[in-house]
Amino acid sequence: MKKTFLIIVFLIMVFVVAFVFVFIIVKFDSLPSNIETIKKMNGSELDTFYRDDPIEISNILLSKLVENEYRDLFYIEHEVIQRVVFNGNYVTYFQASPLTDRFGYLVNFDIHDETIPYDRQVILYIEDMETREPKEIYYGSYKTSGWEWFSDDEVLVLYNCGTECQLLYLININSGKKQKLLYGVGYEWSPNKEMVLAYHYSGRFGITVGDKFGNVVFEFLREYLGAYVRLLDQTKVLWSPDSSKIALMIKKEKQEVLELIVFDVKQDFKQIFQQDLVGESEDIEFYWQDDSMLFYKDLREEHEIIF
């Protein structure tokens, strides 16, 4: 009798474990394969179910939008999550304007659909928060890799055009005027947004600084020498808070050594400081403490430099 009872208890436990296991598998297998963790806009994790049928962005409340780490857009309501689409096409890169009176998003068309022109595979739409009427601002191929607000009336669109080639399009969403910027890769704007710098790593390495009208205002480039390549990818630049100076960490020519150089932007990018550094990028720290004080630390020493 006791043996029979134990067998029954064992079978019940097996059944319960199996049920829980199947429930977990069904729940998480229902998520799209490219999602590891879906997060709310504020970063908190979601625990929910995924529905295969998408929902049109025109039919949703913006407060219920979520996105994953790939910037794919989803809608969540009553613990059910659905992919957001625009006329059946996936929506990504949702962003509200600085004044939160408008928002924008990319619509991604099927690149294998031969009826869709190559240069209209990705479209950026901007909507007013109140009217909710989508306005086409930009269109391009699948090489369009992202966008962001530059001001409440301007957006930046990033387009990958090849090896060490990234185009920036600065677009006024009211007038439609588009300015093409091509300076390098890895763009970093000055705090006052009057200039932008870009990096170079092949052929020659260093930086180019340009304005938002397409004009190059400064270049610091060094020749690539095959025997000295180990530190080429460790170039780093920091704008001072008031945009008046840039601090550049870069490999010295013909030496496997990094150096720190400071340029005065207002004095036509005159070099005002130089120091050889000990260590590689992971060993070195430097940052602006304010507009005129730069702190740096390497394996040998640490200093505060006042300009």
C-alpha atoms as a PDB file:
ATOM      1  CA  MET A   1       0.000   0.000   0.000  1.00  0.00           C
ATOM      2  CA  LYS A   2       2.784   2.358   0.966  1.00  0.00           C
ATOM      3  CA  LYS A   3       4.669   1.487  -2.217  1.00  0.00           C
ATOM      4  CA  THR A   4       1.585   2.221  -4.334  1.00  0.00           C
ATOM      5  CA  PHE A   5       1.137   5.562  -2.593  1.00  0.00           C
ATOM      6  CA  LEU A   6       4.747   6.561  -3.283  1.00  0.00           C
ATOM      7  CA  ILE A   7       4.374   5.612  -6.932  1.00  0.00           C
ATOM      8  CA  ILE A   8       1.252   7.786  -7.231  1.00  0.00           C
ATOM      9  CA  VAL A   9       3.026  10.738  -5.569  1.00  0.00           C
ATOM     10  CA  PHE A  10       5.995  10.299  -7.893  1.00  0.00           C
ATOM     11  CA  LEU A  11       3.754  10.262 -10.990  1.00  0.00           C
ATOM     12  CA  ILE A  12       1.955  13.393  -9.809  1.00  0.00           C
ATOM     13  CA  MET A  13       5.281  15.195  -9.336  1.00  0.00           C
ATOM     14  CA  VAL A  14       6.435  14.150 -12.807  1.00  0.00           C
ATOM     15  CA  PHE A  15       3.170  15.429 -14.285  1.00  0.00           C
ATOM     16  CA  VAL A  16       3.480  18.793 -12.508  1.00  0.00           C
ATOM     17  CA  VAL A  17       7.099  19.275 -13.580  1.00  0.00           C
ATOM     18  CA  ALA A  18       6.255  18.337 -17.162  1.00  0.00           C
ATOM     19  CA  PHE A  19       3.308  20.778 -17.198  1.00  0.00           C
ATOM     20  CA  VAL A  20       5.435  23.655 -15.908  1.00  0.00           C
ATOM     21  CA  PHE A  21       8.187  22.860 -18.403  1.00  0.00           C
ATOM     22  CA  VAL A  22       5.755  22.795 -21.348  1.00  0.00           C
ATOM     23  CA  PHE A  23       4.177  26.079 -20.151  1.00  0.00           C
ATOM     24  CA  ILE A  24       7.551  27.808 -20.028  1.00  0.00           C
ATOM     25  CA  ILE A  25       8.562  26.495 -23.445  1.00  0.00           C
ATOM     26  CA  VAL A  26       5.279  27.589 -25.039  1.00  0.00           C
ATOM     27  CA  LYS A  27       5.480  31.010 -23.402  1.00  0.00           C
ATOM     28  CA  PHE A  28       9.016  31.856 -24.443  1.00  0.00           C
ATOM     29  CA  ASP A  29       8.941  30.108 -27.819  1.00  0.00           C
ATOM     30  CA  SER A  30       6.095  32.449 -28.734  1.00  0.00           C
ATOM     31  CA  LEU A  31       8.542  35.372 -28.727  1.00  0.00           C
ATOM     32  CA  PRO A  32      10.244  36.315 -31.992  1.00  0.00           C
ATOM     33  CA  SER A  33      13.609  34.576 -32.337  1.00  0.00           C
ATOM     34  CA  ASN A  34      15.525  37.867 -32.560  1.00  0.00           C
ATOM     35  CA  ILE A  35      14.366  39.058 -29.144  1.00  0.00           C
ATOM     36  CA  GLU A  36      16.362  38.197 -26.067  1.00  0.00           C
ATOM     37  CA  THR A  37      14.727  40.605 -23.628  1.00  0.00           C
ATOM     38  CA  ILE A  38      11.994  43.055 -24.456  1.00  0.00           C
ATOM     39  CA  LYS A  39      12.239  46.199 -22.375  1.00  0.00           C
ATOM     40  CA  LYS A  40      10.033  49.180 -21.757  1.00  0.00           C
ATOM     41  CA  MET A  41      11.296  52.597 -22.772  1.00  0.00           C
ATOM     42  CA  ASN A  42      12.336  53.214 -19.168  1.00  0.00           C
ATOM     43  CA  GLY A  43      14.407  50.023 -19.103  1.00  0.00           C
ATOM     44  CA  SER A  44      12.242  47.787 -16.918  1.00  0.00           C
ATOM     45  CA  GLU A  45      11.775  44.218 -18.107  1.00  0.00           C
ATOM     46  CA  LEU A  46       8.498  42.859 -19.398  1.00  0.00           C
ATOM     47  CA  ASP A  47       6.954  39.460 -18.773  1.00  0.00           C
ATOM     48  CA  THR A  48       4.297  38.972 -21.399  1.00  0.00           C
ATOM     49  CA  PHE A  49       2.949  36.946 -24.322  1.00  0.00           C
ATOM     50  CA  TYR A  50       3.553  37.633 -28.003  1.00  0.00           C
ATOM     51  CA  ARG A  51       0.821  37.648 -30.666  1.00  0.00           C
ATOM     52  CA  ASP A  52       1.701  36.899 -34.276  1.00  0.00           C
ATOM     53  CA  ASP A  53      -0.736  39.425 -35.747  1.00  0.00           C
ATOM     54  CA  PRO A  54       0.830  42.913 -35.968  1.00  0.00           C
ATOM     55  CA  ILE A  55      -0.915  46.168 -35.145  1.00  0.00           C
ATOM     56  CA  GLU A  56      -0.880  49.376 -37.202  1.00  0.00           C
ATOM     57  CA  ILE A  57       0.867  52.338 -35.613  1.00  0.00           C
ATOM     58  CA  SER A  58      -2.140  54.538 -36.424  1.00  0.00           C
ATOM     59  CA  ASN A  59      -4.286  52.437 -34.058  1.00  0.00           C
ATOM     60  CA  ILE A  60      -2.189  52.583 -30.907  1.00  0.00           C
ATOM     61  CA  LEU A  61      -1.584  54.674 -27.818  1.00  0.00           C
ATOM     62  CA  LEU A  62       2.005  55.873 -27.759  1.00  0.00           C
ATOM     63  CA  SER A  63       2.217  55.355 -24.006  1.00  0.00           C
ATOM     64  CA  LYS A  64       2.001  51.593 -24.563  1.00  0.00           C
ATOM     65  CA  LEU A  65       4.948  51.283 -26.940  1.00  0.00           C
ATOM     66  CA  VAL A  66       7.979  49.148 -26.103  1.00  0.00           C
ATOM     67  CA  GLU A  67      11.125  48.263 -28.014  1.00  0.00           C
ATOM     68  CA  ASN A  68      13.824  45.627 -27.915  1.00  0.00           C
ATOM     69  CA  GLU A  69      17.583  46.050 -28.092  1.00  0.00           C
ATOM     70  CA  TYR A  70      17.450  46.121 -31.908  1.00  0.00           C
ATOM     71  CA  ARG A  71      15.040  49.107 -31.797  1.00  0.00           C
ATOM     72  CA  ASP A  72      12.140  47.021 -33.161  1.00  0.00           C
ATOM     73  CA  LEU A  73       8.834  48.517 -32.035  1.00  0.00           C
ATOM     74  CA  PHE A  74       6.069  46.643 -30.184  1.00  0.00           C
ATOM     75  CA  TYR A  75       2.726  47.458 -28.580  1.00  0.00           C
ATOM     76  CA  ILE A  76       1.715  46.034 -25.209  1.00  0.00           C
ATOM     77  CA  GLU A  77      -1.765  45.867 -23.716  1.00  0.00           C
ATOM     78  CA  HIS A  78      -3.232  43.463 -21.138  1.00  0.00           C
ATOM     79  CA  GLU A  79       0.101  41.565 -20.998  1.00  0.00           C
ATOM     80  CA  VAL A  80      -0.080  40.851 -24.734  1.00  0.00           C
ATOM     81  CA  ILE A  81       2.577  42.212 -27.072  1.00  0.00           C
ATOM     82  CA  GLN A  82       2.281  42.802 -30.828  1.00  0.00           C
ATOM     83  CA  ARG A  83       4.731  43.952 -33.491  1.00  0.00           C
ATOM     84  CA  VAL A  84       4.012  47.516 -34.698  1.00  0.00           C
ATOM     85  CA  VAL A  85       3.708  48.076 -38.450  1.00  0.00           C
ATOM     86  CA  PHE A  86       2.987  50.868 -40.928  1.00  0.00           C
ATOM     87  CA  ASN A  87       0.752  49.588 -43.721  1.00  0.00           C
ATOM     88  CA  GLY A  88       1.988  46.103 -42.898  1.00  0.00           C
ATOM     89  CA  ASN A  89       5.706  47.002 -42.817  1.00  0.00           C
ATOM     90  CA  TYR A  90       7.839  46.773 -39.680  1.00  0.00           C
ATOM     91  CA  VAL A  91       8.475  49.937 -37.658  1.00  0.00           C
ATOM     92  CA  THR A  92      11.797  50.628 -35.883  1.00  0.00           C
ATOM     93  CA  TYR A  93      13.702  53.486 -34.224  1.00  0.00           C
ATOM     94  CA  PHE A  94      10.786  55.317 -32.605  1.00  0.00           C
ATOM     95  CA  GLN A  95      11.891  58.637 -31.081  1.00  0.00           C
ATOM     96  CA  ALA A  96      10.082  61.647 -29.639  1.00  0.00           C
ATOM     97  CA  SER A  97      11.296  65.153 -30.441  1.00  0.00           C
ATOM     98  CA  PRO A  98      13.139  67.232 -27.801  1.00  0.00           C
ATOM     99  CA  LEU A  99       9.938  69.185 -27.059  1.00  0.00           C
ATOM    100  CA  THR A 100       7.871  65.953 -27.264  1.00  0.00           C
ATOM    101  CA  ASP A 101       5.429  67.635 -29.662  1.00  0.00           C
ATOM    102  CA  ARG A 102       6.377  65.293 -32.503  1.00  0.00           C
ATOM    103  CA  PHE A 103       7.729  61.800 -32.970  1.00  0.00           C
ATOM    104  CA  GLY A 104       9.318  59.819 -35.751  1.00  0.00           C
ATOM    105  CA  TYR A 105      10.056  56.266 -36.815  1.00  0.00           C
ATOM    106  CA  LEU A 106      11.580  54.225 -39.624  1.00  0.00           C
ATOM    107  CA  VAL A 107       9.419  51.990 -41.805  1.00  0.00           C
ATOM    108  CA  ASN A 108      11.315  49.013 -43.228  1.00  0.00           C
ATOM    109  CA  PHE A 109      10.075  47.462 -46.468  1.00  0.00           C
ATOM    110  CA  ASP A 110      10.855  43.962 -47.717  1.00  0.00           C
ATOM    111  CA  ILE A 111      14.203  44.201 -49.528  1.00  0.00           C
ATOM    112  CA  HIS A 112      13.305  41.096 -51.552  1.00  0.00           C
ATOM    113  CA  ASP A 113      10.143  42.699 -52.970  1.00  0.00           C
ATOM    114  CA  GLU A 114      11.092  43.642 -56.531  1.00  0.00           C
ATOM    115  CA  THR A 115       8.182  46.087 -56.756  1.00  0.00           C
ATOM    116  CA  ILE A 116       9.831  48.342 -54.168  1.00  0.00           C
ATOM    117  CA  PRO A 117      12.528  50.692 -55.535  1.00  0.00           C
ATOM    118  CA  TYR A 118      15.993  50.187 -54.077  1.00  0.00           C
ATOM    119  CA  ASP A 119      16.090  53.728 -52.695  1.00  0.00           C
ATOM    120  CA  ARG A 120      12.711  53.393 -50.951  1.00  0.00           C
ATOM    121  CA  GLN A 121      13.401  50.363 -48.772  1.00  0.00           C
ATOM    122  CA  VAL A 122      13.523  52.521 -45.626  1.00  0.00           C
ATOM    123  CA  ILE A 123      11.379  55.611 -45.025  1.00  0.00           C
ATOM    124  CA  LEU A 124      11.457  58.048 -42.107  1.00  0.00           C
ATOM    125  CA  TYR A 125       8.077  59.419 -41.068  1.00  0.00           C
ATOM    126  CA  ILE A 126       7.432  62.260 -38.616  1.00  0.00           C
ATOM    127  CA  GLU A 127       4.063  62.739 -36.918  1.00  0.00           C
ATOM    128  CA  ASP A 128       2.597  65.553 -34.854  1.00  0.00           C
ATOM    129  CA  MET A 129       1.494  64.327 -31.444  1.00  0.00           C
ATOM    130  CA  GLU A 130      -1.966  65.846 -31.865  1.00  0.00           C
ATOM    131  CA  THR A 131      -2.845  65.413 -35.543  1.00  0.00           C
ATOM    132  CA  ARG A 132      -1.136  62.004 -35.908  1.00  0.00           C
ATOM    133  CA  GLU A 133      -0.665  62.585 -39.644  1.00  0.00           C
ATOM    134  CA  PRO A 134       2.538  60.885 -40.917  1.00  0.00           C
ATOM    135  CA  LYS A 135       4.838  63.032 -43.059  1.00  0.00           C
ATOM    136  CA  GLU A 136       7.569  61.440 -45.159  1.00  0.00           C
ATOM    137  CA  ILE A 137      10.899  63.127 -44.377  1.00  0.00           C
ATOM    138  CA  TYR A 138      13.514  60.789 -45.840  1.00  0.00           C
ATOM    139  CA  TYR A 139      13.752  57.670 -47.978  1.00  0.00           C
ATOM    140  CA  GLY A 140      16.726  55.431 -48.776  1.00  0.00           C
ATOM    141  CA  SER A 141      17.959  51.869 -49.189  1.00  0.00           C
ATOM    142  CA  TYR A 142      18.470  49.195 -46.541  1.00  0.00           C
ATOM    143  CA  LYS A 143      21.877  50.781 -45.855  1.00  0.00           C
ATOM    144  CA  THR A 144      20.068  53.418 -43.797  1.00  0.00           C
ATOM    145  CA  SER A 145      21.210  52.483 -40.295  1.00  0.00           C
ATOM    146  CA  GLY A 146      19.445  54.914 -37.962  1.00  0.00           C
ATOM    147  CA  TRP A 147      18.323  58.439 -37.219  1.00  0.00           C
ATOM    148  CA  GLU A 148      18.014  60.923 -34.342  1.00  0.00           C
ATOM    149  CA  TRP A 149      16.654  64.368 -33.555  1.00  0.00           C
ATOM    150  CA  PHE A 150      19.168  67.187 -34.060  1.00  0.00           C
ATOM    151  CA  SER A 151      16.736  69.858 -32.865  1.00  0.00           C
ATOM    152  CA  ASP A 152      12.964  70.051 -32.621  1.00  0.00           C
ATOM    153  CA  ASP A 153      12.883  70.979 -36.326  1.00  0.00           C
ATOM    154  CA  GLU A 154      15.817  68.940 -37.658  1.00  0.00           C
ATOM    155  CA  VAL A 155      16.767  65.278 -37.833  1.00  0.00           C
ATOM    156  CA  LEU A 156      19.962  63.395 -38.611  1.00  0.00           C
ATOM    157  CA  VAL A 157      19.862  60.226 -40.709  1.00  0.00           C
ATOM    158  CA  LEU A 158      22.864  57.881 -40.850  1.00  0.00           C
ATOM    159  CA  TYR A 159      23.606  55.986 -44.077  1.00  0.00           C
ATOM    160  CA  ASN A 160      26.398  53.406 -44.457  1.00  0.00           C
ATOM    161  CA  CYS A 161      27.919  53.961 -47.885  1.00  0.00           C
ATOM    162  CA  GLY A 162      30.879  51.547 -47.811  1.00  0.00           C
ATOM    163  CA  THR A 163      34.230  50.891 -46.180  1.00  0.00           C
ATOM    164  CA  GLU A 164      34.969  53.765 -43.808  1.00  0.00           C
ATOM    165  CA  CYS A 165      32.101  55.679 -45.364  1.00  0.00           C
ATOM    166  CA  GLN A 166      29.153  56.997 -43.399  1.00  0.00           C
ATOM    167  CA  LEU A 167      26.860  59.700 -44.707  1.00  0.00           C
ATOM    168  CA  LEU A 168      24.961  62.016 -42.418  1.00  0.00           C
ATOM    169  CA  TYR A 169      21.840  63.712 -43.750  1.00  0.00           C
ATOM    170  CA  LEU A 170      20.780  66.795 -41.794  1.00  0.00           C
ATOM    171  CA  ILE A 171      17.144  67.420 -42.733  1.00  0.00           C
ATOM    172  CA  ASN A 172      14.853  70.297 -41.806  1.00  0.00           C
ATOM    173  CA  ILE A 173      11.451  68.647 -41.332  1.00  0.00           C
ATOM    174  CA  ASN A 174       9.558  71.899 -42.020  1.00  0.00           C
ATOM    175  CA  SER A 175      11.263  72.989 -45.251  1.00  0.00           C
ATOM    176  CA  GLY A 176      12.495  69.582 -46.393  1.00  0.00           C
ATOM    177  CA  LYS A 177      15.989  71.013 -46.968  1.00  0.00           C
ATOM    178  CA  LYS A 178      18.612  68.280 -46.818  1.00  0.00           C
ATOM    179  CA  GLN A 179      22.341  68.758 -46.150  1.00  0.00           C
ATOM    180  CA  LYS A 180      24.695  65.852 -46.881  1.00  0.00           C
ATOM    181  CA  LEU A 181      27.731  65.476 -44.595  1.00  0.00           C
ATOM    182  CA  LEU A 182      30.577  63.105 -45.448  1.00  0.00           C
ATOM    183  CA  TYR A 183      33.569  63.367 -43.129  1.00  0.00           C
ATOM    184  CA  GLY A 184      34.413  59.775 -42.056  1.00  0.00           C
ATOM    185  CA  VAL A 185      32.793  57.415 -39.539  1.00  0.00           C
ATOM    186  CA  GLY A 186      31.704  57.518 -35.893  1.00  0.00           C
ATOM    187  CA  TYR A 187      30.396  61.083 -35.876  1.00  0.00           C
ATOM    188  CA  GLU A 188      30.544  63.083 -32.627  1.00  0.00           C
ATOM    189  CA  TRP A 189      28.930  66.509 -32.474  1.00  0.00           C
ATOM    190  CA  SER A 190      30.276  69.413 -30.470  1.00  0.00           C
ATOM    191  CA  PRO A 191      28.073  70.334 -27.486  1.00  0.00           C
ATOM    192  CA  ASN A 192      26.918  73.512 -29.242  1.00  0.00           C
ATOM    193  CA  LYS A 193      26.115  71.443 -32.376  1.00  0.00           C
ATOM    194  CA  GLU A 194      28.032  73.794 -34.652  1.00  0.00           C
ATOM    195  CA  MET A 195      30.679  71.230 -35.658  1.00  0.00           C
ATOM    196  CA  VAL A 196      31.033  67.479 -35.929  1.00  0.00           C
ATOM    197  CA  LEU A 197      34.107  65.276 -35.955  1.00  0.00           C
ATOM    198  CA  ALA A 198      34.569  61.912 -37.642  1.00  0.00           C
ATOM    199  CA  TYR A 199      37.219  59.205 -37.416  1.00  0.00           C
ATOM    200  CA  HIS A 200      39.496  57.588 -40.004  1.00  0.00           C
ATOM    201  CA  TYR A 201      41.161  54.196 -39.616  1.00  0.00           C
ATOM    202  CA  SER A 202      42.241  52.942 -43.059  1.00  0.00           C
ATOM    203  CA  GLY A 203      44.751  54.447 -45.482  1.00  0.00           C
ATOM    204  CA  ARG A 204      45.305  57.322 -43.090  1.00  0.00           C
ATOM    205  CA  PHE A 205      44.157  57.478 -39.494  1.00  0.00           C
ATOM    206  CA  GLY A 206      42.997  60.411 -37.420  1.00  0.00           C
ATOM    207  CA  ILE A 207      40.043  62.807 -37.456  1.00  0.00           C
ATOM    208  CA  THR A 208      38.220  65.289 -39.663  1.00  0.00           C
ATOM    209  CA  VAL A 209      36.149  68.148 -38.238  1.00  0.00           C
ATOM    210  CA  GLY A 210      33.441  69.784 -40.295  1.00  0.00           C
ATOM    211  CA  ASP A 211      30.506  72.141 -39.893  1.00  0.00           C
ATOM    212  CA  LYS A 212      26.845  71.276 -40.477  1.00  0.00           C
ATOM    213  CA  PHE A 213      26.959  72.793 -43.980  1.00  0.00           C
ATOM    214  CA  GLY A 214      29.391  70.238 -45.422  1.00  0.00           C
ATOM    215  CA  ASN A 215      32.613  72.250 -45.028  1.00  0.00           C
ATOM    216  CA  VAL A 216      35.790  70.669 -43.643  1.00  0.00           C
ATOM    217  CA  VAL A 217      37.300  73.020 -41.034  1.00  0.00           C
ATOM    218  CA  PHE A 218      40.138  70.871 -39.656  1.00  0.00           C
ATOM    219  CA  GLU A 219      41.913  67.590 -40.320  1.00  0.00           C
ATOM    220  CA  PHE A 220      44.507  65.714 -38.297  1.00  0.00           C
ATOM    221  CA  LEU A 221      45.571  62.666 -40.290  1.00  0.00           C
ATOM    222  CA  ARG A 222      48.597  60.414 -40.124  1.00  0.00           C
ATOM    223  CA  GLU A 223      49.932  58.006 -42.693  1.00  0.00           C
ATOM    224  CA  TYR A 224      49.231  54.335 -42.231  1.00  0.00           C
ATOM    225  CA  LEU A 225      52.478  52.344 -41.962  1.00  0.00           C
ATOM    226  CA  GLY A 226      52.132  48.561 -42.118  1.00  0.00           C
ATOM    227  CA  ALA A 227      54.740  47.897 -39.443  1.00  0.00           C
ATOM    228  CA  TYR A 228      52.913  49.982 -36.812  1.00  0.00           C
ATOM    229  CA  VAL A 229      49.268  48.948 -36.673  1.00  0.00           C
ATOM    230  CA  ARG A 230      48.557  47.747 -33.137  1.00  0.00           C
ATOM    231  CA  LEU A 231      47.130  51.014 -31.749  1.00  0.00           C
ATOM    232  CA  LEU A 232      45.343  52.317 -34.839  1.00  0.00           C
ATOM    233  CA  ASP A 233      41.890  51.592 -33.454  1.00  0.00           C
ATOM    234  CA  GLN A 234      42.449  53.407 -30.151  1.00  0.00           C
ATOM    235  CA  THR A 235      41.882  56.960 -31.371  1.00  0.00           C
ATOM    236  CA  LYS A 236      39.518  58.870 -29.095  1.00  0.00           C
ATOM    237  CA  VAL A 237      38.364  62.494 -29.033  1.00  0.00           C
ATOM    238  CA  LEU A 238      36.553  64.545 -26.377  1.00  0.00           C
ATOM    239  CA  TRP A 239      35.008  67.969 -26.924  1.00  0.00           C
ATOM    240  CA  SER A 240      35.273  70.415 -24.043  1.00  0.00           C
ATOM    241  CA  PRO A 241      31.856  71.350 -22.578  1.00  0.00           C
ATOM    242  CA  ASP A 242      31.908  74.784 -24.249  1.00  0.00           C
ATOM    243  CA  SER A 243      33.040  73.313 -27.624  1.00  0.00           C
ATOM    244  CA  SER A 244      36.181  75.508 -27.597  1.00  0.00           C
ATOM    245  CA  LYS A 245      38.730  72.673 -27.426  1.00  0.00           C
ATOM    246  CA  ILE A 246      39.183  69.040 -28.401  1.00  0.00           C
ATOM    247  CA  ALA A 247      41.380  66.499 -26.629  1.00  0.00           C
ATOM    248  CA  LEU A 248      42.686  63.792 -28.943  1.00  0.00           C
ATOM    249  CA  MET A 249      44.262  60.481 -27.948  1.00  0.00           C
ATOM    250  CA  ILE A 250      45.981  58.924 -30.956  1.00  0.00           C
ATOM    251  CA  LYS A 251      48.874  56.638 -31.908  1.00  0.00           C
ATOM    252  CA  LYS A 252      52.133  58.393 -32.680  1.00  0.00           C
ATOM    253  CA  GLU A 253      53.578  57.925 -36.143  1.00  0.00           C
ATOM    254  CA  LYS A 254      56.231  55.173 -36.443  1.00  0.00           C
ATOM    255  CA  GLN A 255      55.840  54.323 -32.743  1.00  0.00           C
ATOM    256  CA  GLU A 256      53.626  51.935 -30.782  1.00  0.00           C
ATOM    257  CA  VAL A 257      52.821  54.718 -28.311  1.00  0.00           C
ATOM    258  CA  LEU A 258      49.688  56.745 -27.659  1.00  0.00           C
ATOM    259  CA  GLU A 259      49.797  60.484 -27.114  1.00  0.00           C
ATOM    260  CA  LEU A 260      47.351  63.102 -25.875  1.00  0.00           C
ATOM    261  CA  ILE A 261      47.004  66.315 -27.884  1.00  0.00           C
ATOM    262  CA  VAL A 262      44.749  69.308 -27.206  1.00  0.00           C
ATOM    263  CA  PHE A 263      43.641  71.740 -29.939  1.00  0.00           C
ATOM    264  CA  ASP A 264      42.120  75.177 -29.433  1.00  0.00           C
ATOM    265  CA  VAL A 265      39.129  75.400 -31.763  1.00  0.00           C
ATOM    266  CA  LYS A 266      38.833  79.194 -31.466  1.00  0.00           C
ATOM    267  CA  GLN A 267      42.488  79.634 -32.473  1.00  0.00           C
ATOM    268  CA  ASP A 268      42.020  77.784 -35.758  1.00  0.00           C
ATOM    269  CA  PHE A 269      42.670  74.430 -34.035  1.00  0.00           C
ATOM    270  CA  LYS A 270      46.096  75.453 -32.789  1.00  0.00           C
ATOM    271  CA  GLN A 271      47.862  72.680 -30.827  1.00  0.00           C
ATOM    272  CA  ILE A 272      48.210  73.851 -27.218  1.00  0.00           C
ATOM    273  CA  PHE A 273      49.220  70.653 -25.411  1.00  0.00           C
ATOM    274  CA  GLN A 274      50.959  67.328 -26.066  1.00  0.00           C
ATOM    275  CA  GLN A 275      51.899  64.453 -23.785  1.00  0.00           C
ATOM    276  CA  ASP A 276      53.115  60.915 -24.499  1.00  0.00           C
ATOM    277  CA  LEU A 277      51.026  58.324 -22.663  1.00  0.00           C
ATOM    278  CA  VAL A 278      52.021  55.042 -21.023  1.00  0.00           C
ATOM    279  CA  GLY A 279      49.682  52.131 -21.667  1.00  0.00           C
ATOM    280  CA  GLU A 280      46.858  51.332 -24.036  1.00  0.00           C
ATOM    281  CA  SER A 281      43.354  52.776 -24.158  1.00  0.00           C
ATOM    282  CA  GLU A 282      42.021  50.519 -21.390  1.00  0.00           C
ATOM    283  CA  ASP A 283      44.825  51.800 -19.118  1.00  0.00           C
ATOM    284  CA  ILE A 284      44.229  55.475 -19.864  1.00  0.00           C
ATOM    285  CA  GLU A 285      41.562  57.834 -18.619  1.00  0.00           C
ATOM    286  CA  PHE A 286      41.002  61.416 -19.666  1.00  0.00           C
ATOM    287  CA  TYR A 287      38.058  63.807 -19.432  1.00  0.00           C
ATOM    288  CA  TRP A 288      37.166  67.481 -19.211  1.00  0.00           C
ATOM    289  CA  GLN A 289      36.391  68.610 -15.653  1.00  0.00           C
ATOM    290  CA  ASP A 290      35.129  71.939 -16.995  1.00  0.00           C
ATOM    291  CA  ASP A 291      35.696  74.212 -19.986  1.00  0.00           C
ATOM    292  CA  SER A 292      39.383  74.788 -19.242  1.00  0.00           C
ATOM    293  CA  MET A 293      40.557  71.865 -17.078  1.00  0.00           C
ATOM    294  CA  LEU A 294      41.505  68.470 -18.489  1.00  0.00           C
ATOM    295  CA  PHE A 295      42.249  65.465 -16.310  1.00  0.00           C
ATOM    296  CA  TYR A 296      44.306  62.542 -17.611  1.00  0.00           C
ATOM    297  CA  LYS A 297      45.706  59.401 -16.029  1.00  0.00           C
ATOM    298  CA  ASP A 298      47.889  56.639 -17.485  1.00  0.00           C
ATOM    299  CA  LEU A 299      50.070  53.862 -16.042  1.00  0.00           C
ATOM    300  CA  ARG A 300      52.723  56.383 -15.055  1.00  0.00           C
ATOM    301  CA  GLU A 301      50.983  59.441 -13.649  1.00  0.00           C
ATOM    302  CA  GLU A 302      47.856  61.533 -13.384  1.00  0.00           C
ATOM    303  CA  HIS A 303      47.513  65.267 -13.985  1.00  0.00           C
ATOM    304  CA  GLU A 304      45.063  68.151 -14.188  1.00  0.00           C
ATOM    305  CA  ILE A 305      45.931  70.542 -16.982  1.00  0.00           C
ATOM    306  CA  ILE A 306      44.489  74.070 -16.984  1.00  0.00           C
ATOM    307  CA  PHE A 307      44.313  75.984 -20.274  1.00  0.00           C
END
